[in-house]
């Protein structure tokens, strides 16, 4: 893992970030299934709507846009004003605040749901710890945290690449992430693997990932226990301490 502080990595990427997030067929595939799972999980957790919702490290509002319609009050925070400019253009219901919640108190109150996507897999250990401490304070007792890990080093596809290159590119395995969550007072309630069946890079072409077979395989391998070996996965955690 690069020791560079991840806080500084996206300061000026707002205008280009949305195109980058789906820049390859596999990136687009992860985005599609993250949205698919959110659209089903959030109404199940909050059948009467989310009283107060926060998207942490919201970037250009990719996840905020998918969840804000379920919320009475919706907030997004990020350290990059250029990312928030793009988010404001697409999310009409959400209040966006440029703030580093690990260093500053934005006086936002507490929330029933917090999401954070494409963050923890990229951040360094110190930042992961600081963010989870901040999110624990921001969540009400019993509130939910939905996050993803899209850089799982134990994924079948990455394991195959590591065997051929000898390079260990990433460090946040699902056991490591879940241990961090438990350390900060969370209980894992739900796991949803994405892309478990993709065990070789040759399977990540648009022709394969946009096929009906890919959809069938994704649903076939949706078991919670497979999240530990999938290249992307959603975790739902409840604040219990």
C-alpha atoms as a PDB file:
ATOM      1  CA  UNK A   1       0.000   0.000   0.000  1.00  0.00           C
ATOM      2  CA  UNK A   2       1.306   3.423  -0.962  1.00  0.00           C
ATOM      3  CA  UNK A   3       2.054   5.536   2.119  1.00  0.00           C
ATOM      4  CA  UNK A   4       0.736   8.694   0.446  1.00  0.00           C
ATOM      5  CA  UNK A   5      -2.235  10.201   2.248  1.00  0.00           C
ATOM      6  CA  UNK A   6      -5.350   9.273   0.282  1.00  0.00           C
ATOM      7  CA  UNK A   7      -7.011  12.524   1.373  1.00  0.00           C
ATOM      8  CA  UNK A   8      -5.021  14.413  -1.276  1.00  0.00           C
ATOM      9  CA  UNK A   9      -5.553  12.041  -4.181  1.00  0.00           C
ATOM     10  CA  UNK A  10      -8.822  13.379  -5.634  1.00  0.00           C
ATOM     11  CA  UNK A  11      -8.658  17.113  -5.007  1.00  0.00           C
ATOM     12  CA  UNK A  12      -8.908  18.118  -8.673  1.00  0.00           C
ATOM     13  CA  UNK A  13     -10.508  15.028 -10.222  1.00  0.00           C
ATOM     14  CA  UNK A  14     -14.138  16.151 -10.149  1.00  0.00           C
ATOM     15  CA  UNK A  15     -14.574  16.858 -13.876  1.00  0.00           C
ATOM     16  CA  UNK A  16     -13.077  13.501 -14.905  1.00  0.00           C
ATOM     17  CA  UNK A  17     -14.032  11.163 -12.076  1.00  0.00           C
ATOM     18  CA  UNK A  18     -17.364   9.878 -13.377  1.00  0.00           C
ATOM     19  CA  UNK A  19     -15.843   8.746 -16.654  1.00  0.00           C
ATOM     20  CA  UNK A  20     -12.903   7.174 -14.791  1.00  0.00           C
ATOM     21  CA  UNK A  21     -15.166   5.142 -12.476  1.00  0.00           C
ATOM     22  CA  UNK A  22     -16.566   3.251 -15.476  1.00  0.00           C
ATOM     23  CA  UNK A  23     -13.445   3.481 -17.632  1.00  0.00           C
ATOM     24  CA  UNK A  24     -13.203  -0.287 -18.171  1.00  0.00           C
ATOM     25  CA  UNK A  25     -15.900  -2.946 -18.610  1.00  0.00           C
ATOM     26  CA  UNK A  26     -15.011  -4.366 -15.189  1.00  0.00           C
ATOM     27  CA  UNK A  27     -15.298  -0.953 -13.476  1.00  0.00           C
ATOM     28  CA  UNK A  28     -18.703  -0.493 -15.137  1.00  0.00           C
ATOM     29  CA  UNK A  29     -19.704  -3.996 -14.006  1.00  0.00           C
ATOM     30  CA  UNK A  30     -18.858  -3.222 -10.371  1.00  0.00           C
ATOM     31  CA  UNK A  31     -20.772   0.054 -10.583  1.00  0.00           C
ATOM     32  CA  UNK A  32     -23.819  -1.708 -12.017  1.00  0.00           C
ATOM     33  CA  UNK A  33     -23.968  -4.342  -9.285  1.00  0.00           C
ATOM     34  CA  UNK A  34     -23.217  -1.917  -6.471  1.00  0.00           C
ATOM     35  CA  UNK A  35     -26.290  -0.016  -7.612  1.00  0.00           C
ATOM     36  CA  UNK A  36     -28.283  -3.225  -7.956  1.00  0.00           C
ATOM     37  CA  UNK A  37     -27.590  -4.276  -4.366  1.00  0.00           C
ATOM     38  CA  UNK A  38     -28.163  -0.815  -2.899  1.00  0.00           C
ATOM     39  CA  UNK A  39     -31.552  -0.558  -4.591  1.00  0.00           C
ATOM     40  CA  UNK A  40     -32.641  -3.722  -2.761  1.00  0.00           C
ATOM     41  CA  UNK A  41     -30.808  -3.483   0.547  1.00  0.00           C
ATOM     42  CA  UNK A  42     -31.690   0.098   1.516  1.00  0.00           C
ATOM     43  CA  UNK A  43     -35.504  -0.306   1.320  1.00  0.00           C
ATOM     44  CA  UNK A  44     -35.235  -3.558   3.262  1.00  0.00           C
ATOM     45  CA  UNK A  45     -33.290  -1.870   6.057  1.00  0.00           C
ATOM     46  CA  UNK A  46     -35.493   1.243   6.053  1.00  0.00           C
ATOM     47  CA  UNK A  47     -38.981   0.290   4.830  1.00  0.00           C
ATOM     48  CA  UNK A  48     -40.349   3.641   6.047  1.00  0.00           C
ATOM     49  CA  UNK A  49     -37.456   5.653   4.621  1.00  0.00           C
ATOM     50  CA  UNK A  50     -34.161   6.861   6.078  1.00  0.00           C
ATOM     51  CA  UNK A  51     -34.657   9.740   8.526  1.00  0.00           C
ATOM     52  CA  UNK A  52     -31.073  11.027   8.149  1.00  0.00           C
ATOM     53  CA  UNK A  53     -28.529   9.797   5.597  1.00  0.00           C
ATOM     54  CA  UNK A  54     -24.844  10.634   5.047  1.00  0.00           C
ATOM     55  CA  UNK A  55     -22.588   9.643   2.156  1.00  0.00           C
ATOM     56  CA  UNK A  56     -18.988   9.858   3.376  1.00  0.00           C
ATOM     57  CA  UNK A  57     -16.256  10.573   0.792  1.00  0.00           C
ATOM     58  CA  UNK A  58     -19.167  11.022  -1.586  1.00  0.00           C
ATOM     59  CA  UNK A  59     -17.044  12.261  -4.469  1.00  0.00           C
ATOM     60  CA  UNK A  60     -19.226  13.206  -7.425  1.00  0.00           C
ATOM     61  CA  UNK A  61     -22.342  11.749  -5.808  1.00  0.00           C
ATOM     62  CA  UNK A  62     -22.355   8.390  -7.582  1.00  0.00           C
ATOM     63  CA  UNK A  63     -23.757   6.590  -4.519  1.00  0.00           C
ATOM     64  CA  UNK A  64     -25.531   9.639  -3.064  1.00  0.00           C
ATOM     65  CA  UNK A  65     -27.680   9.878  -6.172  1.00  0.00           C
ATOM     66  CA  UNK A  66     -28.804   6.271  -5.750  1.00  0.00           C
ATOM     67  CA  UNK A  67     -29.741   6.591  -2.068  1.00  0.00           C
ATOM     68  CA  UNK A  68     -30.985  10.161  -1.549  1.00  0.00           C
ATOM     69  CA  UNK A  69     -34.505   9.388  -2.791  1.00  0.00           C
ATOM     70  CA  UNK A  70     -34.983   7.023   0.185  1.00  0.00           C
ATOM     71  CA  UNK A  71     -34.001   9.695   2.739  1.00  0.00           C
ATOM     72  CA  UNK A  72     -35.855  12.515   4.454  1.00  0.00           C
ATOM     73  CA  UNK A  73     -32.569  14.368   5.012  1.00  0.00           C
ATOM     74  CA  UNK A  74     -29.547  13.615   2.838  1.00  0.00           C
ATOM     75  CA  UNK A  75     -25.966  14.838   3.290  1.00  0.00           C
ATOM     76  CA  UNK A  76     -22.717  14.252   1.435  1.00  0.00           C
ATOM     77  CA  UNK A  77     -19.211  15.104   2.608  1.00  0.00           C
ATOM     78  CA  UNK A  78     -15.894  15.096   0.800  1.00  0.00           C
ATOM     79  CA  UNK A  79     -12.545  16.887   1.057  1.00  0.00           C
ATOM     80  CA  UNK A  80     -12.559  17.836  -2.641  1.00  0.00           C
ATOM     81  CA  UNK A  81     -14.564  20.868  -3.717  1.00  0.00           C
ATOM     82  CA  UNK A  82     -14.172  19.894  -7.388  1.00  0.00           C
ATOM     83  CA  UNK A  83     -15.819  16.531  -6.682  1.00  0.00           C
ATOM     84  CA  UNK A  84     -18.641  18.208  -4.776  1.00  0.00           C
ATOM     85  CA  UNK A  85     -19.294  20.620  -7.637  1.00  0.00           C
ATOM     86  CA  UNK A  86     -20.035  17.614  -9.828  1.00  0.00           C
ATOM     87  CA  UNK A  87     -22.178  16.020  -7.094  1.00  0.00           C
ATOM     88  CA  UNK A  88     -24.312  19.131  -6.655  1.00  0.00           C
ATOM     89  CA  UNK A  89     -25.122  19.098 -10.367  1.00  0.00           C
ATOM     90  CA  UNK A  90     -26.704  15.642 -10.166  1.00  0.00           C
ATOM     91  CA  UNK A  91     -28.130  15.416  -6.610  1.00  0.00           C
ATOM     92  CA  UNK A  92     -30.871  17.959  -5.985  1.00  0.00           C
ATOM     93  CA  UNK A  93     -32.031  16.722  -2.582  1.00  0.00           C
ATOM     94  CA  UNK A  94     -28.678  16.463  -0.822  1.00  0.00           C
ATOM     95  CA  UNK A  95     -26.749  19.067   1.141  1.00  0.00           C
ATOM     96  CA  UNK A  96     -23.026  18.776   0.355  1.00  0.00           C
ATOM     97  CA  UNK A  97     -20.295  19.909   2.741  1.00  0.00           C
ATOM     98  CA  UNK A  98     -16.578  20.154   2.000  1.00  0.00           C
ATOM     99  CA  UNK A  99     -14.967  18.942   5.217  1.00  0.00           C
ATOM    100  CA  UNK A 100     -12.474  16.413   6.566  1.00  0.00           C
ATOM    101  CA  UNK A 101     -14.454  14.713   9.307  1.00  0.00           C
ATOM    102  CA  UNK A 102     -11.301  13.110  10.709  1.00  0.00           C
ATOM    103  CA  UNK A 103      -9.928  16.564  11.557  1.00  0.00           C
ATOM    104  CA  UNK A 104     -12.907  18.936  11.801  1.00  0.00           C
ATOM    105  CA  UNK A 105     -16.328  18.918  13.421  1.00  0.00           C
ATOM    106  CA  UNK A 106     -18.946  19.951  10.851  1.00  0.00           C
ATOM    107  CA  UNK A 107     -21.815  19.849  13.403  1.00  0.00           C
ATOM    108  CA  UNK A 108     -23.953  17.636  11.165  1.00  0.00           C
ATOM    109  CA  UNK A 109     -25.686  15.721  13.935  1.00  0.00           C
ATOM    110  CA  UNK A 110     -26.134  11.957  13.898  1.00  0.00           C
ATOM    111  CA  UNK A 111     -27.367   9.697  11.131  1.00  0.00           C
ATOM    112  CA  UNK A 112     -29.387   6.529  10.670  1.00  0.00           C
ATOM    113  CA  UNK A 113     -27.422   5.416   7.603  1.00  0.00           C
ATOM    114  CA  UNK A 114     -23.905   6.178   6.395  1.00  0.00           C
ATOM    115  CA  UNK A 115     -22.490   4.917   3.105  1.00  0.00           C
ATOM    116  CA  UNK A 116     -18.882   5.011   1.923  1.00  0.00           C
ATOM    117  CA  UNK A 117     -17.876   3.456  -1.399  1.00  0.00           C
ATOM    118  CA  UNK A 118     -14.538   3.068  -3.186  1.00  0.00           C
ATOM    119  CA  UNK A 119     -12.791   4.534  -0.144  1.00  0.00           C
ATOM    120  CA  UNK A 120     -11.534   1.955   2.337  1.00  0.00           C
ATOM    121  CA  UNK A 121      -9.727  -0.184  -0.232  1.00  0.00           C
ATOM    122  CA  UNK A 122      -7.715   2.847  -1.352  1.00  0.00           C
ATOM    123  CA  UNK A 123      -6.964   4.470   2.007  1.00  0.00           C
ATOM    124  CA  UNK A 124      -3.949   3.860   4.211  1.00  0.00           C
ATOM    125  CA  UNK A 125      -4.381   2.123   7.583  1.00  0.00           C
ATOM    126  CA  UNK A 126      -4.170   5.320   9.656  1.00  0.00           C
ATOM    127  CA  UNK A 127      -6.891   6.945   7.599  1.00  0.00           C
ATOM    128  CA  UNK A 128      -9.131   3.876   7.764  1.00  0.00           C
ATOM    129  CA  UNK A 129      -8.914   3.949  11.562  1.00  0.00           C
ATOM    130  CA  UNK A 130      -9.581   7.699  11.750  1.00  0.00           C
ATOM    131  CA  UNK A 131     -12.563   7.490   9.412  1.00  0.00           C
ATOM    132  CA  UNK A 132     -14.201   4.613  11.254  1.00  0.00           C
ATOM    133  CA  UNK A 133     -13.772   6.460  14.545  1.00  0.00           C
ATOM    134  CA  UNK A 134     -15.469   9.509  12.992  1.00  0.00           C
ATOM    135  CA  UNK A 135     -18.291   7.469  11.452  1.00  0.00           C
ATOM    136  CA  UNK A 136     -18.940   5.709  14.746  1.00  0.00           C
ATOM    137  CA  UNK A 137     -19.515   9.102  16.357  1.00  0.00           C
ATOM    138  CA  UNK A 138     -21.813  10.185  13.534  1.00  0.00           C
ATOM    139  CA  UNK A 139     -24.027   7.108  13.569  1.00  0.00           C
ATOM    140  CA  UNK A 140     -26.914   6.700  15.973  1.00  0.00           C
ATOM    141  CA  UNK A 141     -26.939   3.609  18.142  1.00  0.00           C
ATOM    142  CA  UNK A 142     -28.265   0.826  15.950  1.00  0.00           C
ATOM    143  CA  UNK A 143     -27.554   2.857  12.804  1.00  0.00           C
ATOM    144  CA  UNK A 144     -26.237   1.170   9.671  1.00  0.00           C
ATOM    145  CA  UNK A 145     -23.008   1.580   7.756  1.00  0.00           C
ATOM    146  CA  UNK A 146     -22.892   0.308   4.157  1.00  0.00           C
ATOM    147  CA  UNK A 147     -19.429   0.173   2.616  1.00  0.00           C
ATOM    148  CA  UNK A 148     -17.664  -1.747  -0.104  1.00  0.00           C
ATOM    149  CA  UNK A 149     -14.226  -3.208  -0.682  1.00  0.00           C
ATOM    150  CA  UNK A 150     -13.407  -3.189  -4.385  1.00  0.00           C
ATOM    151  CA  UNK A 151      -9.706  -4.051  -3.989  1.00  0.00           C
ATOM    152  CA  UNK A 152      -9.771  -7.373  -2.163  1.00  0.00           C
ATOM    153  CA  UNK A 153      -6.328  -9.033  -2.404  1.00  0.00           C
ATOM    154  CA  UNK A 154      -7.871 -12.476  -1.801  1.00  0.00           C
ATOM    155  CA  UNK A 155     -10.121 -12.230  -4.846  1.00  0.00           C
ATOM    156  CA  UNK A 156      -9.598 -15.126  -7.225  1.00  0.00           C
ATOM    157  CA  UNK A 157      -8.688 -12.809 -10.091  1.00  0.00           C
ATOM    158  CA  UNK A 158      -6.064 -10.908  -8.082  1.00  0.00           C
ATOM    159  CA  UNK A 159      -4.658 -14.095  -6.610  1.00  0.00           C
ATOM    160  CA  UNK A 160      -4.086 -15.410 -10.130  1.00  0.00           C
ATOM    161  CA  UNK A 161      -2.364 -12.167 -11.117  1.00  0.00           C
ATOM    162  CA  UNK A 162      -0.193 -12.261  -7.994  1.00  0.00           C
ATOM    163  CA  UNK A 163       0.957 -15.786  -8.859  1.00  0.00           C
ATOM    164  CA  UNK A 164       2.132 -14.670 -12.292  1.00  0.00           C
ATOM    165  CA  UNK A 165       3.617 -11.262 -11.386  1.00  0.00           C
ATOM    166  CA  UNK A 166       4.690 -11.752  -7.775  1.00  0.00           C
ATOM    167  CA  UNK A 167       3.261  -8.305  -6.994  1.00  0.00           C
ATOM    168  CA  UNK A 168       0.875  -7.758  -4.061  1.00  0.00           C
ATOM    169  CA  UNK A 169      -0.970  -4.631  -5.164  1.00  0.00           C
ATOM    170  CA  UNK A 170      -3.493  -4.170  -2.350  1.00  0.00           C
ATOM    171  CA  UNK A 171      -3.847  -5.017   1.315  1.00  0.00           C
ATOM    172  CA  UNK A 172      -7.464  -4.781   2.499  1.00  0.00           C
ATOM    173  CA  UNK A 173      -8.798  -8.321   2.682  1.00  0.00           C
ATOM    174  CA  UNK A 174     -12.345  -8.850   3.906  1.00  0.00           C
ATOM    175  CA  UNK A 175     -11.187 -10.408   7.197  1.00  0.00           C
ATOM    176  CA  UNK A 176      -9.019  -7.331   7.804  1.00  0.00           C
ATOM    177  CA  UNK A 177     -11.913  -4.980   6.977  1.00  0.00           C
ATOM    178  CA  UNK A 178     -14.360  -6.871   9.150  1.00  0.00           C
ATOM    179  CA  UNK A 179     -11.881  -6.869  12.038  1.00  0.00           C
ATOM    180  CA  UNK A 180     -11.616  -3.075  11.703  1.00  0.00           C
ATOM    181  CA  UNK A 181     -15.385  -2.754  11.787  1.00  0.00           C
ATOM    182  CA  UNK A 182     -15.700  -4.909  14.903  1.00  0.00           C
ATOM    183  CA  UNK A 183     -12.914  -2.926  16.580  1.00  0.00           C
ATOM    184  CA  UNK A 184     -14.943   0.245  16.099  1.00  0.00           C
ATOM    185  CA  UNK A 185     -18.166  -1.178  17.507  1.00  0.00           C
ATOM    186  CA  UNK A 186     -19.873  -2.626  14.433  1.00  0.00           C
ATOM    187  CA  UNK A 187     -21.574  -5.960  13.873  1.00  0.00           C
ATOM    188  CA  UNK A 188     -21.626  -7.343  10.321  1.00  0.00           C
ATOM    189  CA  UNK A 189     -25.208  -7.986   9.221  1.00  0.00           C
ATOM    190  CA  UNK A 190     -24.940  -8.654   5.499  1.00  0.00           C
ATOM    191  CA  UNK A 191     -22.355  -9.383   2.811  1.00  0.00           C
ATOM    192  CA  UNK A 192     -22.962  -9.232  -0.923  1.00  0.00           C
ATOM    193  CA  UNK A 193     -20.134 -10.427  -3.205  1.00  0.00           C
ATOM    194  CA  UNK A 194     -19.677  -8.900  -6.656  1.00  0.00           C
ATOM    195  CA  UNK A 195     -17.757 -10.689  -9.387  1.00  0.00           C
ATOM    196  CA  UNK A 196     -16.788 -13.849  -7.490  1.00  0.00           C
ATOM    197  CA  UNK A 197     -17.045 -15.857 -10.712  1.00  0.00           C
ATOM    198  CA  UNK A 198     -14.511 -13.603 -12.484  1.00  0.00           C
ATOM    199  CA  UNK A 199     -11.360 -15.593 -11.836  1.00  0.00           C
ATOM    200  CA  UNK A 200      -9.349 -14.484 -14.882  1.00  0.00           C
ATOM    201  CA  UNK A 201      -8.749 -11.091 -16.466  1.00  0.00           C
ATOM    202  CA  UNK A 202      -9.854 -12.603 -19.792  1.00  0.00           C
ATOM    203  CA  UNK A 203     -13.410 -12.664 -18.427  1.00  0.00           C
ATOM    204  CA  UNK A 204     -13.533  -8.869 -17.981  1.00  0.00           C
ATOM    205  CA  UNK A 205     -14.297  -7.962 -21.603  1.00  0.00           C
ATOM    206  CA  UNK A 206     -17.457  -6.007 -22.351  1.00  0.00           C
ATOM    207  CA  UNK A 207     -18.823  -8.915 -24.397  1.00  0.00           C
ATOM    208  CA  UNK A 208     -18.672 -11.240 -21.401  1.00  0.00           C
ATOM    209  CA  UNK A 209     -19.629  -8.818 -18.612  1.00  0.00           C
ATOM    210  CA  UNK A 210     -22.618  -7.391 -20.467  1.00  0.00           C
ATOM    211  CA  UNK A 211     -24.028 -10.814 -21.310  1.00  0.00           C
ATOM    212  CA  UNK A 212     -27.052 -12.613 -19.896  1.00  0.00           C
ATOM    213  CA  UNK A 213     -24.673 -15.345 -18.719  1.00  0.00           C
ATOM    214  CA  UNK A 214     -22.788 -12.839 -16.542  1.00  0.00           C
ATOM    215  CA  UNK A 215     -26.064 -11.851 -14.868  1.00  0.00           C
ATOM    216  CA  UNK A 216     -26.910 -15.494 -14.198  1.00  0.00           C
ATOM    217  CA  UNK A 217     -23.459 -16.199 -12.786  1.00  0.00           C
ATOM    218  CA  UNK A 218     -23.601 -13.114 -10.549  1.00  0.00           C
ATOM    219  CA  UNK A 219     -26.879 -14.265  -9.039  1.00  0.00           C
ATOM    220  CA  UNK A 220     -25.663 -17.853  -8.782  1.00  0.00           C
ATOM    221  CA  UNK A 221     -22.631 -16.809  -6.692  1.00  0.00           C
ATOM    222  CA  UNK A 222     -24.384 -14.277  -4.440  1.00  0.00           C
ATOM    223  CA  UNK A 223     -23.738 -16.233  -1.237  1.00  0.00           C
ATOM    224  CA  UNK A 224     -22.480 -14.219   1.728  1.00  0.00           C
ATOM    225  CA  UNK A 225     -19.527 -16.512   2.434  1.00  0.00           C
ATOM    226  CA  UNK A 226     -18.113 -15.883  -1.057  1.00  0.00           C
ATOM    227  CA  UNK A 227     -17.551 -12.186  -0.314  1.00  0.00           C
ATOM    228  CA  UNK A 228     -14.131 -13.032   1.118  1.00  0.00           C
ATOM    229  CA  UNK A 229     -12.980 -14.123  -2.344  1.00  0.00           C
ATOM    230  CA  UNK A 230     -14.804 -11.636  -4.573  1.00  0.00           C
ATOM    231  CA  UNK A 231     -13.056  -8.620  -6.155  1.00  0.00           C
ATOM    232  CA  UNK A 232     -15.817  -6.344  -4.858  1.00  0.00           C
ATOM    233  CA  UNK A 233     -18.366  -6.765  -2.085  1.00  0.00           C
ATOM    234  CA  UNK A 234     -20.885  -4.733  -0.101  1.00  0.00           C
ATOM    235  CA  UNK A 235     -20.946  -4.974   3.677  1.00  0.00           C
ATOM    236  CA  UNK A 236     -23.784  -3.836   5.920  1.00  0.00           C
ATOM    237  CA  UNK A 237     -22.713  -3.218   9.520  1.00  0.00           C
ATOM    238  CA  UNK A 238     -24.800  -2.097  12.497  1.00  0.00           C
ATOM    239  CA  UNK A 239     -23.447   0.097  15.278  1.00  0.00           C
ATOM    240  CA  UNK A 240     -23.754  -1.936  18.476  1.00  0.00           C
ATOM    241  CA  UNK A 241     -21.198  -0.293  20.790  1.00  0.00           C
END
